[in-house]
Amino acid sequence: MLKKIGRSYFVRSLIARVATAYFRIVRSTSHFVYEPADFEARVAPNLPAIAAMWHGQHLMIHYAWPKNTPVSALISRHGDGEINAMVLERLGVTPIRGSGGSPDKMRKRGGAMALREMLRALAGGSTMVLTADVPKISRIAGPGIVLLAQKSGRPIYPVAVVASRRIDFNSWDHASVGLPFSKGAIVVGDAIRVSADAGPEECEAARLAVQNGLDDVHRRAYALVGSKDPGAREALPQ
């Protein structure tokens, strides 16, 4: 019965309303510092862009979206993703449903269709926000985001958002959600570009650049709020 209730549109819509209100309260009562301080001005000439995040940042990353900029976000097709999509729509973001992974799972997860939709969104002037790592493999960048950059010609920017007062969940993706009245940090890394004719070596170099760039911005963001990243690579099981 609980599962059935949880699948109802009314319940999911209610959860989305509450979550959206909560995120707005956190944003309005918290002070975020930006690094670089002029990142919006730096990024503006390269919009639309691809904003890369690690899994676990999906509850915080919307604080980094440039103002008055069309934004779309890739959201998985599972049940929790439906609630995330509702929250994003209430925050003015266009959700694109699907996820990546290994080639044999792409069709089932809607990855191929999602790639086409993301390319259309970028071509239409909307910045794309998506996770660089694939489900259940935390903080190892997959090839999907590199493929999107290669086919679209748009740059990838690693992004991290951290709050000093937060809840860190004991989950595979080290998800984190900020609390009201926090000091926060939004760190944006350097642009990573992938040429249209990139071969396997260049694509692998770009994948590693995204992975290292995300590690760097997370390390810096946590340092700015005076805490340690619970999902830092050295803290993960070997």
Protein backbone atom coordinates (compact mmCIF):
# COMPACT_ATOMS: atom_id res chain seq x y z
CA MET A 1 0.00 0.00 0.00
CA LEU A 2 2.81 2.40 0.86
CA LYS A 3 4.44 1.73 -2.50
CA LYS A 4 1.13 2.36 -4.26
CA ILE A 5 0.62 5.63 -2.38
CA GLY A 6 4.17 6.67 -3.21
CA ARG A 7 3.49 6.13 -6.91
CA SER A 8 0.45 8.41 -6.96
CA TYR A 9 0.73 11.68 -8.84
CA PHE A 10 -0.84 13.60 -5.94
CA VAL A 11 1.74 12.39 -3.42
CA ARG A 12 4.67 13.04 -5.76
CA SER A 13 3.32 16.48 -6.61
CA LEU A 14 2.95 17.31 -2.92
CA ILE A 15 6.51 16.19 -2.19
CA ALA A 16 7.74 18.30 -5.11
CA ARG A 17 5.90 21.38 -3.81
CA VAL A 18 7.39 20.98 -0.34
CA ALA A 19 10.89 20.33 -1.70
CA THR A 20 10.75 23.36 -3.98
CA ALA A 21 9.65 25.60 -1.12
CA TYR A 22 12.44 24.22 1.04
CA PHE A 23 15.14 24.85 -1.59
CA ARG A 24 13.92 28.42 -1.98
CA ILE A 25 14.11 28.96 1.79
CA VAL A 26 17.69 27.62 1.88
CA ARG A 27 18.69 29.89 -1.00
CA SER A 28 17.09 33.00 0.47
CA THR A 29 18.58 32.50 3.95
CA SER A 30 22.09 31.47 2.89
CA HIS A 31 25.06 33.41 1.56
CA PHE A 32 26.97 31.82 -1.31
CA VAL A 33 30.42 32.86 -2.46
CA TYR A 34 31.39 32.26 -6.07
CA GLU A 35 34.74 31.16 -7.42
CA PRO A 36 35.71 32.66 -9.72
CA ALA A 37 33.75 35.68 -8.51
CA ASP A 38 32.93 36.71 -12.07
CA PHE A 39 32.06 33.24 -13.32
CA GLU A 40 28.76 34.32 -14.87
CA ALA A 41 30.55 36.94 -16.98
CA ARG A 42 33.22 34.41 -17.97
CA VAL A 43 30.72 31.75 -18.93
CA ALA A 44 28.26 34.08 -20.72
CA PRO A 45 30.16 34.21 -24.06
CA ASN A 46 30.23 30.39 -24.17
CA LEU A 47 26.54 29.77 -23.52
CA PRO A 48 24.80 27.49 -24.00
CA ALA A 49 27.17 25.20 -22.16
CA ILE A 50 27.22 21.79 -20.50
CA ALA A 51 27.35 21.94 -16.69
CA ALA A 52 28.87 18.78 -15.23
CA MET A 53 28.20 17.58 -11.70
CA TRP A 54 28.77 14.46 -9.66
CA HIS A 55 25.84 12.33 -8.55
CA GLY A 56 24.81 13.55 -5.12
CA GLN A 57 24.88 17.19 -6.23
CA HIS A 58 21.38 17.04 -7.74
CA LEU A 59 19.87 18.52 -4.56
CA MET A 60 22.19 21.55 -4.62
CA ILE A 61 23.32 22.24 -8.17
CA HIS A 62 20.36 24.44 -9.11
CA TYR A 63 21.81 27.23 -6.94
CA ALA A 64 24.58 27.61 -9.52
CA TRP A 65 22.40 28.16 -12.58
CA PRO A 66 23.08 31.56 -14.19
CA LYS A 67 20.18 33.98 -13.85
CA ASN A 68 17.90 34.51 -16.82
CA THR A 69 19.53 31.64 -18.71
CA PRO A 70 17.46 28.82 -20.24
CA VAL A 71 18.45 25.59 -18.50
CA SER A 72 17.60 21.94 -19.10
CA ALA A 73 18.64 19.00 -16.94
CA LEU A 74 18.95 15.27 -17.53
CA ILE A 75 16.82 13.32 -15.04
CA SER A 76 16.60 9.54 -14.77
CA ARG A 77 13.39 7.66 -15.51
CA HIS A 78 13.01 5.97 -12.12
CA GLY A 79 10.41 7.00 -9.51
CA ASP A 80 12.60 9.43 -7.58
CA GLY A 81 13.48 11.02 -10.90
CA GLU A 82 9.82 11.90 -11.41
CA ILE A 83 9.86 13.98 -8.23
CA ASN A 84 13.14 15.60 -9.24
CA ALA A 85 11.62 16.50 -12.60
CA MET A 86 8.62 18.13 -10.90
CA VAL A 87 10.91 20.17 -8.64
CA LEU A 88 12.99 21.32 -11.61
CA GLU A 89 9.92 22.42 -13.53
CA ARG A 90 8.83 24.51 -10.56
CA LEU A 91 12.29 26.10 -10.53
CA GLY A 92 12.02 27.00 -14.20
CA VAL A 93 14.18 24.17 -15.57
CA THR A 94 13.22 21.86 -18.43
CA PRO A 95 13.72 18.18 -17.47
CA ILE A 96 14.91 15.66 -20.05
CA ARG A 97 14.21 12.08 -18.99
CA GLY A 98 16.77 9.34 -19.52
CA SER A 99 20.24 8.28 -18.40
CA GLY A 100 23.45 6.84 -19.73
CA GLY A 101 25.59 3.91 -18.77
CA SER A 102 27.04 1.05 -20.77
CA PRO A 103 25.85 0.70 -24.40
CA ASP A 104 23.74 -2.36 -23.60
CA LYS A 105 21.76 -0.36 -21.04
CA MET A 106 21.35 2.81 -23.08
CA ARG A 107 18.18 1.70 -24.85
CA LYS A 108 16.44 0.56 -21.66
CA ARG A 109 17.31 3.77 -19.81
CA GLY A 110 16.33 6.05 -22.66
CA GLY A 111 19.87 7.29 -23.12
CA ALA A 112 19.89 7.44 -26.92
CA MET A 113 16.64 9.42 -27.05
CA ALA A 114 17.84 11.67 -24.22
CA LEU A 115 21.05 12.40 -26.14
CA ARG A 116 19.01 13.60 -29.11
CA GLU A 117 16.86 15.77 -26.85
CA MET A 118 19.93 17.25 -25.15
CA LEU A 119 21.47 18.10 -28.51
CA ARG A 120 18.23 19.81 -29.53
CA ALA A 121 18.16 21.74 -26.24
CA LEU A 122 21.74 22.97 -26.70
CA ALA A 123 21.07 23.87 -30.33
CA GLY A 124 18.07 25.86 -29.12
CA GLY A 125 20.16 27.87 -26.67
CA SER A 126 19.50 25.98 -23.42
CA THR A 127 22.38 25.11 -21.11
CA MET A 128 22.43 21.40 -20.16
CA VAL A 129 23.05 20.20 -16.61
CA LEU A 130 23.87 16.52 -16.08
CA THR A 131 25.86 14.13 -13.95
CA ALA A 132 29.22 13.04 -15.33
CA ASP A 133 29.35 9.75 -13.41
CA VAL A 134 26.99 6.87 -14.13
CA PRO A 135 24.61 5.33 -11.54
CA LYS A 136 26.25 3.24 -8.82
CA ILE A 137 29.78 4.16 -9.95
CA SER A 138 30.46 7.27 -7.90
CA ARG A 139 32.85 9.93 -9.16
CA ILE A 140 34.20 8.08 -12.16
CA ALA A 141 33.26 10.10 -15.23
CA GLY A 142 31.55 8.17 -17.98
CA PRO A 143 31.83 8.75 -21.73
CA GLY A 144 28.33 10.17 -22.15
CA ILE A 145 29.07 13.78 -21.26
CA VAL A 146 32.12 13.76 -23.55
CA LEU A 147 29.99 12.44 -26.42
CA LEU A 148 27.47 15.23 -25.82
CA ALA A 149 30.23 17.86 -25.98
CA GLN A 150 31.70 16.29 -29.11
CA LYS A 151 28.41 16.21 -30.98
CA SER A 152 27.17 19.60 -29.81
CA GLY A 153 30.41 21.58 -29.96
CA ARG A 154 29.60 23.12 -26.56
CA PRO A 155 32.09 23.37 -23.67
CA ILE A 156 31.82 21.41 -20.42
CA TYR A 157 32.14 23.27 -17.10
CA PRO A 158 32.71 21.25 -13.90
CA VAL A 159 30.53 22.68 -11.09
CA ALA A 160 30.28 22.07 -7.34
CA VAL A 161 27.87 23.57 -4.80
CA VAL A 162 28.43 23.07 -1.06
CA ALA A 163 26.74 24.44 2.07
CA SER A 164 28.43 24.71 5.47
CA ARG A 165 25.27 23.51 7.23
CA ARG A 166 23.98 20.43 5.45
CA ILE A 167 22.83 16.84 5.67
CA ASP A 168 25.22 14.32 4.11
CA PHE A 169 23.43 11.09 3.27
CA ASN A 170 25.12 7.72 3.67
CA SER A 171 24.41 6.74 0.08
CA TRP A 172 26.53 5.47 -2.81
CA ASP A 173 26.56 8.95 -4.37
CA HIS A 174 27.26 10.85 -1.10
CA ALA A 175 24.19 13.03 -1.69
CA SER A 176 24.09 16.30 0.23
CA VAL A 177 21.36 18.84 0.90
CA GLY A 178 21.95 22.27 2.42
CA LEU A 179 20.23 23.62 5.52
CA PRO A 180 18.91 27.17 5.98
CA PHE A 181 21.20 29.95 7.23
CA SER A 182 24.30 28.42 5.69
CA LYS A 183 27.50 29.75 4.25
CA GLY A 184 27.82 28.26 0.81
CA ALA A 185 30.34 27.97 -2.02
CA ILE A 186 29.76 27.63 -5.75
CA VAL A 187 32.92 26.74 -7.67
CA VAL A 188 33.11 26.51 -11.45
CA GLY A 189 36.11 24.97 -13.22
CA ASP A 190 37.72 25.78 -16.54
CA ALA A 191 35.98 24.94 -19.79
CA ILE A 192 36.69 21.54 -21.35
CA ARG A 193 36.18 21.27 -25.10
CA VAL A 194 36.00 18.21 -27.34
CA SER A 195 36.55 18.55 -31.08
CA ALA A 196 33.99 17.08 -33.48
CA ASP A 197 36.59 14.73 -34.98
CA ALA A 198 38.08 13.65 -31.64
CA GLY A 199 39.49 10.13 -31.64
CA PRO A 200 39.52 7.65 -28.75
CA GLU A 201 42.65 9.16 -27.14
CA GLU A 202 41.29 12.72 -27.19
CA CYS A 203 37.93 11.57 -25.84
CA GLU A 204 39.64 9.70 -23.02
CA ALA A 205 41.73 12.77 -22.21
CA ALA A 206 38.54 14.84 -22.08
CA ARG A 207 36.84 12.27 -19.84
CA LEU A 208 39.76 12.43 -17.42
CA ALA A 209 39.74 16.23 -17.57
CA VAL A 210 36.07 16.24 -16.56
CA GLN A 211 36.73 13.76 -13.76
CA ASN A 212 39.74 15.65 -12.41
CA GLY A 213 37.99 18.99 -12.88
CA LEU A 214 35.02 17.85 -10.81
CA ASP A 215 37.30 16.52 -8.09
CA ASP A 216 39.11 19.87 -8.03
CA VAL A 217 35.99 22.04 -7.78
CA HIS A 218 34.53 19.82 -5.05
CA ARG A 219 37.77 19.93 -3.07
CA ARG A 220 37.85 23.72 -3.34
CA ALA A 221 34.14 24.21 -2.54
CA TYR A 222 34.36 22.13 0.64
CA ALA A 223 37.52 24.00 1.66
CA LEU A 224 35.75 27.35 1.23
CA VAL A 225 33.08 26.33 3.76
CA GLY A 226 35.64 24.85 6.14
CA SER A 227 34.82 21.18 5.87
CA LYS A 228 35.93 17.96 4.20
CA ASP A 229 34.27 16.32 1.23
CA PRO A 230 32.80 13.00 2.48
CA GLY A 231 32.91 11.62 -1.04
CA ALA A 232 36.51 12.57 -1.79
CA ARG A 233 38.25 9.90 -3.84
CA GLU A 234 40.71 9.00 -1.09
CA ALA A 235 37.75 8.35 1.25
CA LEU A 236 36.09 5.86 -1.08
CA PRO A 237 36.60 2.09 -0.71
CA GLN A 238 39.55 0.81 -2.69
